[in-house]
PDB file of N, CA and C in Angstrom:
ATOM      1  N   MET A   1     117.263 117.179 108.852  1.00  0.00           N
ATOM      2  CA  MET A   1     116.464 117.362 107.650  1.00  0.00           C
ATOM      3  C   MET A   1     117.418 117.709 106.513  1.00  0.00           C
ATOM      4  N   GLY A   2     117.321 116.969 105.419  1.00  0.00           N
ATOM      5  CA  GLY A   2     118.175 117.189 104.276  1.00  0.00           C
ATOM      6  C   GLY A   2     117.579 118.181 103.295  1.00  0.00           C
ATOM      7  N   LEU A   3     118.380 118.553 102.320  1.00  0.00           N
ATOM      8  CA  LEU A   3     117.944 119.495 101.297  1.00  0.00           C
ATOM      9  C   LEU A   3     116.720 118.990 100.552  1.00  0.00           C
ATOM     10  N   LEU A   4     116.688 117.687 100.236  1.00  0.00           N
ATOM     11  CA  LEU A   4     115.526 117.140  99.531  1.00  0.00           C
ATOM     12  C   LEU A   4     114.258 117.233 100.365  1.00  0.00           C
ATOM     13  N   ASP A   5     114.393 117.074 101.691  1.00  0.00           N
ATOM     14  CA  ASP A   5     113.232 117.227 102.578  1.00  0.00           C
ATOM     15  C   ASP A   5     112.695 118.655 102.525  1.00  0.00           C
ATOM     16  N   VAL A   6     113.617 119.611 102.478  1.00  0.00           N
ATOM     17  CA  VAL A   6     113.209 121.014 102.405  1.00  0.00           C
ATOM     18  C   VAL A   6     112.481 121.286 101.095  1.00  0.00           C
ATOM     19  N   LEU A   7     113.022 120.744 100.002  1.00  0.00           N
ATOM     20  CA  LEU A   7     112.441 120.988  98.684  1.00  0.00           C
ATOM     21  C   LEU A   7     111.142 120.226  98.453  1.00  0.00           C
ATOM     22  N   PHE A   8     111.076 118.975  98.896  1.00  0.00           N
ATOM     23  CA  PHE A   8     109.951 118.112  98.536  1.00  0.00           C
ATOM     24  C   PHE A   8     109.126 117.635  99.721  1.00  0.00           C
ATOM     25  N   GLY A   9     109.504 118.001 100.929  1.00  0.00           N
ATOM     26  CA  GLY A   9     108.792 117.515 102.105  1.00  0.00           C
ATOM     27  C   GLY A   9     109.388 116.195 102.573  1.00  0.00           C
ATOM     28  N   ASN A  10     109.118 115.838 103.799  1.00  0.00           N
ATOM     29  CA  ASN A  10     109.663 114.618 104.374  1.00  0.00           C
ATOM     30  C   ASN A  10     108.849 113.413 103.915  1.00  0.00           C
ATOM     31  N   LYS A  11     109.499 112.495 103.192  1.00  0.00           N
ATOM     32  CA  LYS A  11     108.800 111.327 102.658  1.00  0.00           C
ATOM     33  C   LYS A  11     108.248 110.453 103.775  1.00  0.00           C
ATOM     34  N   ASN A  12     108.971 110.306 104.869  1.00  0.00           N
ATOM     35  CA  ASN A  12     108.477 109.475 105.971  1.00  0.00           C
ATOM     36  C   ASN A  12     107.162 110.011 106.513  1.00  0.00           C
ATOM     37  N   ASP A  13     107.065 111.335 106.648  1.00  0.00           N
ATOM     38  CA  ASP A  13     105.816 111.926 107.132  1.00  0.00           C
ATOM     39  C   ASP A  13     104.690 111.690 106.132  1.00  0.00           C
ATOM     40  N   LYS A  14     104.986 111.816 104.843  1.00  0.00           N
ATOM     41  CA  LYS A  14     103.974 111.606 103.807  1.00  0.00           C
ATOM     42  C   LYS A  14     103.489 110.156 103.832  1.00  0.00           C
ATOM     43  N   ILE A  15     104.417 109.203 103.954  1.00  0.00           N
ATOM     44  CA  ILE A  15     104.046 107.781 104.002  1.00  0.00           C
ATOM     45  C   ILE A  15     103.162 107.510 105.219  1.00  0.00           C
ATOM     46  N   LYS A  16     103.543 108.042 106.375  1.00  0.00           N
ATOM     47  CA  LYS A  16     102.737 107.845 107.579  1.00  0.00           C
ATOM     48  C   LYS A  16     101.334 108.407 107.398  1.00  0.00           C
ATOM     49  N   ASP A  17     101.248 109.601 106.793  1.00  0.00           N
ATOM     50  CA  ASP A  17      99.942 110.210 106.551  1.00  0.00           C
ATOM     51  C   ASP A  17      99.089 109.332 105.649  1.00  0.00           C
ATOM     52  N   LEU A  18      99.672 108.846 104.553  1.00  0.00           N
ATOM     53  CA  LEU A  18      98.907 108.014 103.631  1.00  0.00           C
ATOM     54  C   LEU A  18      98.475 106.713 104.289  1.00  0.00           C
ATOM     55  N   LEU A  19      99.333 106.135 105.112  1.00  0.00           N
ATOM     56  CA  LEU A  19      98.974 104.889 105.791  1.00  0.00           C
ATOM     57  C   LEU A  19      97.799 105.092 106.738  1.00  0.00           C
ATOM     58  N   THR A  20      97.708 106.244 107.379  1.00  0.00           N
ATOM     59  CA  THR A  20      96.564 106.496 108.262  1.00  0.00           C
ATOM     60  C   THR A  20      95.274 106.616 107.474  1.00  0.00           C
ATOM     61  N   ARG A  21      95.401 106.823 106.149  1.00  0.00           N
ATOM     62  CA  ARG A  21      94.217 106.930 105.288  1.00  0.00           C
ATOM     63  C   ARG A  21      94.052 105.674 104.441  1.00  0.00           C
ATOM     64  N   ASP A  22      94.536 104.529 104.960  1.00  0.00           N
ATOM     65  CA  ASP A  22      94.380 103.219 104.324  1.00  0.00           C
ATOM     66  C   ASP A  22      94.972 103.151 102.919  1.00  0.00           C
ATOM     67  N   ALA A  23      96.148 103.721 102.747  1.00  0.00           N
ATOM     68  CA  ALA A  23      96.817 103.685 101.449  1.00  0.00           C
ATOM     69  C   ALA A  23      97.042 102.248 100.990  1.00  0.00           C
ATOM     70  N   ILE A  24      97.020 102.065  99.699  1.00  0.00           N
ATOM     71  CA  ILE A  24      97.343 100.788  99.075  1.00  0.00           C
ATOM     72  C   ILE A  24      98.805 100.845  98.659  1.00  0.00           C
ATOM     73  N   ILE A  25      99.562  99.813  98.974  1.00  0.00           N
ATOM     74  CA  ILE A  25     100.953  99.739  98.540  1.00  0.00           C
ATOM     75  C   ILE A  25     100.993  98.915  97.270  1.00  0.00           C
ATOM     76  N   ILE A  26     101.573  99.493  96.224  1.00  0.00           N
ATOM     77  CA  ILE A  26     101.711  98.794  94.950  1.00  0.00           C
ATOM     78  C   ILE A  26     103.188  98.545  94.700  1.00  0.00           C
ATOM     79  N   ASP A  27     103.542  97.301  94.588  1.00  0.00           N
ATOM     80  CA  ASP A  27     104.904  96.871  94.305  1.00  0.00           C
ATOM     81  C   ASP A  27     105.057  96.782  92.796  1.00  0.00           C
ATOM     82  N   VAL A  28     105.982  97.533  92.223  1.00  0.00           N
ATOM     83  CA  VAL A  28     106.112  97.585  90.772  1.00  0.00           C
ATOM     84  C   VAL A  28     107.284  96.743  90.244  1.00  0.00           C
ATOM     85  N   ARG A  29     107.798  95.848  91.101  1.00  0.00           N
ATOM     86  CA  ARG A  29     108.808  94.915  90.616  1.00  0.00           C
ATOM     87  C   ARG A  29     108.151  93.894  89.690  1.00  0.00           C
ATOM     88  N   THR A  30     108.957  93.180  88.941  1.00  0.00           N
ATOM     89  CA  THR A  30     108.415  92.123  88.084  1.00  0.00           C
ATOM     90  C   THR A  30     107.885  90.994  88.951  1.00  0.00           C
ATOM     91  N   VAL A  31     107.071  90.136  88.370  1.00  0.00           N
ATOM     92  CA  VAL A  31     106.500  89.006  89.114  1.00  0.00           C
ATOM     93  C   VAL A  31     107.611  88.147  89.708  1.00  0.00           C
ATOM     94  N   ASN A  32     108.706  87.952  88.985  1.00  0.00           N
ATOM     95  CA  ASN A  32     109.806  87.138  89.495  1.00  0.00           C
ATOM     96  C   ASN A  32     110.495  87.772  90.701  1.00  0.00           C
ATOM     97  N   GLU A  33     110.497  89.101  90.783  1.00  0.00           N
ATOM     98  CA  GLU A  33     111.120  89.786  91.916  1.00  0.00           C
ATOM     99  C   GLU A  33     110.175  89.894  93.108  1.00  0.00           C
ATOM    100  N   TYR A  34     108.892  89.945  92.819  1.00  0.00           N
ATOM    101  CA  TYR A  34     107.887  90.186  93.841  1.00  0.00           C
ATOM    102  C   TYR A  34     107.800  89.003  94.798  1.00  0.00           C
ATOM    103  N   LYS A  35     107.746  89.288  96.074  1.00  0.00           N
ATOM    104  CA  LYS A  35     107.670  88.206  97.042  1.00  0.00           C
ATOM    105  C   LYS A  35     106.490  88.333  97.987  1.00  0.00           C
ATOM    106  N   GLN A  36     106.297  89.508  98.573  1.00  0.00           N
ATOM    107  CA  GLN A  36     105.272  89.600  99.609  1.00  0.00           C
ATOM    108  C   GLN A  36     104.924  91.035  99.931  1.00  0.00           C
ATOM    109  N   GLY A  37     103.838  91.212 100.664  1.00  0.00           N
ATOM    110  CA  GLY A  37     103.552  92.444 101.344  1.00  0.00           C
ATOM    111  C   GLY A  37     102.795  93.539 100.628  1.00  0.00           C
ATOM    112  N   ALA A  38     102.570  93.411  99.343  1.00  0.00           N
ATOM    113  CA  ALA A  38     101.904  94.498  98.639  1.00  0.00           C
ATOM    114  C   ALA A  38     101.165  93.956  97.433  1.00  0.00           C
ATOM    115  N   LYS A  39     100.344  94.787  96.853  1.00  0.00           N
ATOM    116  CA  LYS A  39      99.672  94.449  95.596  1.00  0.00           C
ATOM    117  C   LYS A  39     100.723  94.551  94.498  1.00  0.00           C
ATOM    118  N   ASN A  40     100.809  93.582  93.644  1.00  0.00           N
ATOM    119  CA  ASN A  40     101.839  93.579  92.594  1.00  0.00           C
ATOM    120  C   ASN A  40     101.260  94.021  91.263  1.00  0.00           C
ATOM    121  N   ILE A  41     101.736  95.156  90.781  1.00  0.00           N
ATOM    122  CA  ILE A  41     101.433  95.622  89.431  1.00  0.00           C
ATOM    123  C   ILE A  41     102.771  96.066  88.845  1.00  0.00           C
ATOM    124  N   PRO A  42     103.419  95.236  88.028  1.00  0.00           N
ATOM    125  CA  PRO A  42     104.722  95.611  87.470  1.00  0.00           C
ATOM    126  C   PRO A  42     104.652  96.935  86.698  1.00  0.00           C
ATOM    127  N   LEU A  43     105.730  97.703  86.784  1.00  0.00           N
ATOM    128  CA  LEU A  43     105.796  99.000  86.122  1.00  0.00           C
ATOM    129  C   LEU A  43     105.439  98.900  84.644  1.00  0.00           C
ATOM    130  N   GLN A  44     105.838  97.816  84.003  1.00  0.00           N
ATOM    131  CA  GLN A  44     105.606  97.650  82.569  1.00  0.00           C
ATOM    132  C   GLN A  44     104.126  97.642  82.209  1.00  0.00           C
ATOM    133  N   VAL A  45     103.243  97.350  83.151  1.00  0.00           N
ATOM    134  CA  VAL A  45     101.811  97.261  82.846  1.00  0.00           C
ATOM    135  C   VAL A  45     100.962  98.265  83.623  1.00  0.00           C
ATOM    136  N   ILE A  46     101.607  99.135  84.400  1.00  0.00           N
ATOM    137  CA  ILE A  46     100.827 100.021  85.278  1.00  0.00           C
ATOM    138  C   ILE A  46      99.925 100.963  84.495  1.00  0.00           C
ATOM    139  N   ASN A  47     100.372 101.417  83.311  1.00  0.00           N
ATOM    140  CA  ASN A  47      99.515 102.302  82.499  1.00  0.00           C
ATOM    141  C   ASN A  47      98.190 101.634  82.142  1.00  0.00           C
ATOM    142  N   GLY A  48      98.209 100.341  81.919  1.00  0.00           N
ATOM    143  CA  GLY A  48      96.994  99.619  81.578  1.00  0.00           C
ATOM    144  C   GLY A  48      96.096  99.327  82.770  1.00  0.00           C
ATOM    145  N   LYS A  49      96.560  99.638  83.968  1.00  0.00           N
ATOM    146  CA  LYS A  49      95.802  99.358  85.197  1.00  0.00           C
ATOM    147  C   LYS A  49      95.293 100.627  85.876  1.00  0.00           C
ATOM    148  N   ILE A  50      95.456 101.775  85.225  1.00  0.00           N
ATOM    149  CA  ILE A  50      95.070 103.047  85.829  1.00  0.00           C
ATOM    150  C   ILE A  50      93.619 103.037  86.299  1.00  0.00           C
ATOM    151  N   ASN A  51      92.703 102.579  85.461  1.00  0.00           N
ATOM    152  CA  ASN A  51      91.282 102.574  85.856  1.00  0.00           C
ATOM    153  C   ASN A  51      91.038 101.680  87.058  1.00  0.00           C
ATOM    154  N   ASP A  52      91.697 100.520  87.109  1.00  0.00           N
ATOM    155  CA  ASP A  52      91.556  99.630  88.264  1.00  0.00           C
ATOM    156  C   ASP A  52      92.091 100.296  89.533  1.00  0.00           C
ATOM    157  N   ILE A  53      93.209 100.993  89.405  1.00  0.00           N
ATOM    158  CA  ILE A  53      93.803 101.670  90.565  1.00  0.00           C
ATOM    159  C   ILE A  53      92.891 102.807  91.026  1.00  0.00           C
ATOM    160  N   LYS A  54      92.333 103.551  90.080  1.00  0.00           N
ATOM    161  CA  LYS A  54      91.412 104.632  90.448  1.00  0.00           C
ATOM    162  C   LYS A  54      90.200 104.083  91.193  1.00  0.00           C
ATOM    163  N   LYS A  55      89.727 102.902  90.814  1.00  0.00           N
ATOM    164  CA  LYS A  55      88.570 102.301  91.471  1.00  0.00           C
ATOM    165  C   LYS A  55      88.850 101.957  92.936  1.00  0.00           C
ATOM    166  N   LEU A  56      90.114 101.785  93.293  1.00  0.00           N
ATOM    167  CA  LEU A  56      90.456 101.506  94.690  1.00  0.00           C
ATOM    168  C   LEU A  56      90.103 102.697  95.581  1.00  0.00           C
ATOM    169  N   ASN A  57      90.121 103.890  94.987  1.00  0.00           N
ATOM    170  CA  ASN A  57      89.743 105.126  95.672  1.00  0.00           C
ATOM    171  C   ASN A  57      90.510 105.314  96.978  1.00  0.00           C
ATOM    172  N   LYS A  58      91.821 105.046  96.926  1.00  0.00           N
ATOM    173  CA  LYS A  58      92.697 105.194  98.089  1.00  0.00           C
ATOM    174  C   LYS A  58      94.023 105.776  97.622  1.00  0.00           C
ATOM    175  N   PRO A  59      94.746 106.442  98.540  1.00  0.00           N
ATOM    176  CA  PRO A  59      96.089 106.898  98.174  1.00  0.00           C
ATOM    177  C   PRO A  59      96.991 105.691  97.931  1.00  0.00           C
ATOM    178  N   ILE A  60      98.034 105.903  97.162  1.00  0.00           N
ATOM    179  CA  ILE A  60      98.922 104.816  96.756  1.00  0.00           C
ATOM    180  C   ILE A  60     100.351 105.099  97.196  1.00  0.00           C
ATOM    181  N   ILE A  61     101.016 104.084  97.717  1.00  0.00           N
ATOM    182  CA  ILE A  61     102.446 104.118  97.995  1.00  0.00           C
ATOM    183  C   ILE A  61     103.073 103.088  97.075  1.00  0.00           C
ATOM    184  N   THR A  62     103.973 103.520  96.204  1.00  0.00           N
ATOM    185  CA  THR A  62     104.630 102.583  95.297  1.00  0.00           C
ATOM    186  C   THR A  62     105.961 102.140  95.905  1.00  0.00           C
ATOM    187  N   CYS A  63     106.391 100.941  95.560  1.00  0.00           N
ATOM    188  CA  CYS A  63     107.692 100.454  96.008  1.00  0.00           C
ATOM    189  C   CYS A  63     108.256  99.508  94.963  1.00  0.00           C
ATOM    190  N   CYS A  64     109.547  99.281  95.045  1.00  0.00           N
ATOM    191  CA  CYS A  64     110.220  98.327  94.141  1.00  0.00           C
ATOM    192  C   CYS A  64     111.453  97.818  94.881  1.00  0.00           C
ATOM    193  N   THR A  65     112.539  97.606  94.181  1.00  0.00           N
ATOM    194  CA  THR A  65     113.753  97.139  94.842  1.00  0.00           C
ATOM    195  C   THR A  65     114.587  98.310  95.349  1.00  0.00           C
ATOM    196  N   SER A  66     114.816  99.303  94.497  1.00  0.00           N
ATOM    197  CA  SER A  66     115.711 100.403  94.859  1.00  0.00           C
ATOM    198  C   SER A  66     115.014 101.750  95.000  1.00  0.00           C
ATOM    199  N   GLY A  67     113.830 101.890  94.421  1.00  0.00           N
ATOM    200  CA  GLY A  67     113.130 103.169  94.446  1.00  0.00           C
ATOM    201  C   GLY A  67     113.051 103.842  93.090  1.00  0.00           C
ATOM    202  N   MET A  68     113.756 103.322  92.114  1.00  0.00           N
ATOM    203  CA  MET A  68     113.747 103.925  90.780  1.00  0.00           C
ATOM    204  C   MET A  68     112.425 103.668  90.050  1.00  0.00           C
ATOM    205  N   ARG A  69     112.048 102.413  89.925  1.00  0.00           N
ATOM    206  CA  ARG A  69     110.802 102.083  89.224  1.00  0.00           C
ATOM    207  C   ARG A  69     109.589 102.608  89.978  1.00  0.00           C
ATOM    208  N   SER A  70     109.650 102.545  91.308  1.00  0.00           N
ATOM    209  CA  SER A  70     108.517 103.049  92.084  1.00  0.00           C
ATOM    210  C   SER A  70     108.382 104.562  91.925  1.00  0.00           C
ATOM    211  N   GLY A  71     109.490 105.254  91.716  1.00  0.00           N
ATOM    212  CA  GLY A  71     109.431 106.685  91.432  1.00  0.00           C
ATOM    213  C   GLY A  71     108.739 106.949  90.116  1.00  0.00           C
ATOM    214  N   SER A  72     109.073 106.141  89.113  1.00  0.00           N
ATOM    215  CA  SER A  72     108.412 106.267  87.810  1.00  0.00           C
ATOM    216  C   SER A  72     106.922 105.964  87.937  1.00  0.00           C
ATOM    217  N   ALA A  73     106.599 104.921  88.678  1.00  0.00           N
ATOM    218  CA  ALA A  73     105.195 104.536  88.854  1.00  0.00           C
ATOM    219  C   ALA A  73     104.417 105.637  89.576  1.00  0.00           C
ATOM    220  N   ALA A  74     105.003 106.207  90.623  1.00  0.00           N
ATOM    221  CA  ALA A  74     104.323 107.282  91.357  1.00  0.00           C
ATOM    222  C   ALA A  74     104.073 108.473  90.429  1.00  0.00           C
ATOM    223  N   SER A  75     105.037 108.788  89.583  1.00  0.00           N
ATOM    224  CA  SER A  75     104.866 109.897  88.636  1.00  0.00           C
ATOM    225  C   SER A  75     103.743 109.613  87.649  1.00  0.00           C
ATOM    226  N   ILE A  76     103.680 108.399  87.158  1.00  0.00           N
ATOM    227  CA  ILE A  76     102.611 108.002  86.226  1.00  0.00           C
ATOM    228  C   ILE A  76     101.254 108.149  86.899  1.00  0.00           C
ATOM    229  N   LEU A  77     101.150 107.645  88.135  1.00  0.00           N
ATOM    230  CA  LEU A  77      99.875 107.703  88.854  1.00  0.00           C
ATOM    231  C   LEU A  77      99.468 109.143  89.149  1.00  0.00           C
ATOM    232  N   LYS A  78     100.413 109.964  89.587  1.00  0.00           N
ATOM    233  CA  LYS A  78     100.110 111.368  89.869  1.00  0.00           C
ATOM    234  C   LYS A  78      99.620 112.076  88.610  1.00  0.00           C
ATOM    235  N   ALA A  79     100.251 111.782  87.475  1.00  0.00           N
ATOM    236  CA  ALA A  79      99.849 112.406  86.210  1.00  0.00           C
ATOM    237  C   ALA A  79      98.413 112.040  85.833  1.00  0.00           C
ATOM    238  N   GLN A  80      97.926 110.923  86.373  1.00  0.00           N
ATOM    239  CA  GLN A  80      96.554 110.470  86.106  1.00  0.00           C
ATOM    240  C   GLN A  80      95.590 110.912  87.213  1.00  0.00           C
ATOM    241  N   GLY A  81      96.050 111.785  88.109  1.00  0.00           N
ATOM    242  CA  GLY A  81      95.190 112.316  89.158  1.00  0.00           C
ATOM    243  C   GLY A  81      95.052 111.432  90.382  1.00  0.00           C
ATOM    244  N   ILE A  82      95.940 110.475  90.534  1.00  0.00           N
ATOM    245  CA  ILE A  82      95.905 109.564  91.680  1.00  0.00           C
ATOM    246  C   ILE A  82      96.907 110.066  92.718  1.00  0.00           C
ATOM    247  N   GLU A  83      96.484 110.162  93.971  1.00  0.00           N
ATOM    248  CA  GLU A  83      97.407 110.560  95.035  1.00  0.00           C
ATOM    249  C   GLU A  83      98.397 109.421  95.250  1.00  0.00           C
ATOM    250  N   ALA A  84      99.669 109.696  95.003  1.00  0.00           N
ATOM    251  CA  ALA A  84     100.686 108.647  95.089  1.00  0.00           C
ATOM    252  C   ALA A  84     101.998 109.219  95.609  1.00  0.00           C
ATOM    253  N   VAL A  85     102.742 108.386  96.304  1.00  0.00           N
ATOM    254  CA  VAL A  85     104.073 108.746  96.783  1.00  0.00           C
ATOM    255  C   VAL A  85     104.999 107.562  96.532  1.00  0.00           C
ATOM    256  N   ASN A  86     106.243 107.862  96.206  1.00  0.00           N
ATOM    257  CA  ASN A  86     107.257 106.829  96.017  1.00  0.00           C
ATOM    258  C   ASN A  86     107.739 106.387  97.388  1.00  0.00           C
ATOM    259  N   GLY A  87     107.418 105.158  97.757  1.00  0.00           N
ATOM    260  CA  GLY A  87     107.858 104.608  99.035  1.00  0.00           C
ATOM    261  C   GLY A  87     109.285 104.103  99.005  1.00  0.00           C
ATOM    262  N   GLY A  88     109.890 104.065  97.810  1.00  0.00           N
ATOM    263  CA  GLY A  88     111.277 103.621  97.682  1.00  0.00           C
ATOM    264  C   GLY A  88     111.386 102.110  97.614  1.00  0.00           C
ATOM    265  N   GLY A  89     112.509 101.609  98.075  1.00  0.00           N
ATOM    266  CA  GLY A  89     112.750 100.170  98.067  1.00  0.00           C
ATOM    267  C   GLY A  89     111.910  99.442  99.099  1.00  0.00           C
ATOM    268  N   TRP A  90     111.497  98.217  98.780  1.00  0.00           N
ATOM    269  CA  TRP A  90     110.633  97.451  99.670  1.00  0.00           C
ATOM    270  C   TRP A  90     111.276  97.216 101.033  1.00  0.00           C
ATOM    271  N   MET A  91     112.568  96.915 101.063  1.00  0.00           N
ATOM    272  CA  MET A  91     113.225  96.632 102.347  1.00  0.00           C
ATOM    273  C   MET A  91     113.150  97.841 103.275  1.00  0.00           C
ATOM    274  N   SER A  92     113.372  99.009 102.741  1.00  0.00           N
ATOM    275  CA  SER A  92     113.292 100.225 103.526  1.00  0.00           C
ATOM    276  C   SER A  92     111.853 100.544 103.917  1.00  0.00           C
ATOM    277  N   LEU A  93     110.936 100.431 102.962  1.00  0.00           N
ATOM    278  CA  LEU A  93     109.543 100.738 103.226  1.00  0.00           C
ATOM    279  C   LEU A  93     108.951  99.782 104.259  1.00  0.00           C
ATOM    280  N   SER A  94     109.273  98.519 104.167  1.00  0.00           N
ATOM    281  CA  SER A  94     108.675  97.539 105.090  1.00  0.00           C
ATOM    282  C   SER A  94     109.021  97.838 106.539  1.00  0.00           C
ATOM    283  N   LYS A  95     110.139  98.492 106.788  1.00  0.00           N
ATOM    284  CA  LYS A  95     110.524  98.865 108.154  1.00  0.00           C
ATOM    285  C   LYS A  95     109.661  99.994 108.685  1.00  0.00           C
ATOM    286  N   LYS A  96     109.023 100.748 107.782  1.00  0.00           N
ATOM    287  CA  LYS A  96     108.187 101.875 108.184  1.00  0.00           C
ATOM    288  C   LYS A  96     106.740 101.467 108.408  1.00  0.00           C
ATOM    289  N   LEU A  97     106.397 100.244 108.040  1.00  0.00           N
ATOM    290  CA  LEU A  97     104.998  99.807 108.107  1.00  0.00           C
ATOM    291  C   LEU A  97     104.635  99.253 109.466  1.00  0.00           C
TER     292      LEU A  97
END
């Protein structure tokens, strides 16, 4: 267990918990980067989709290429009262699914 796990909790455990509750995975890469496996809402437009995301009424796992944009997206969603966790990069996250 690393220092970040101690401070923020284990992300793998959080992802597993959300998946058991039918979490929606939102990929925040651009359309050109997006390939498969998740709902695509690019970070640039996520603020305009808040109401649509709230209507899903499910926890959200965000992902992107490296984890940077998905971290920003998770923060935006949390600030709007949506349960969200940064799943990090898609390649890493897909191995956990």
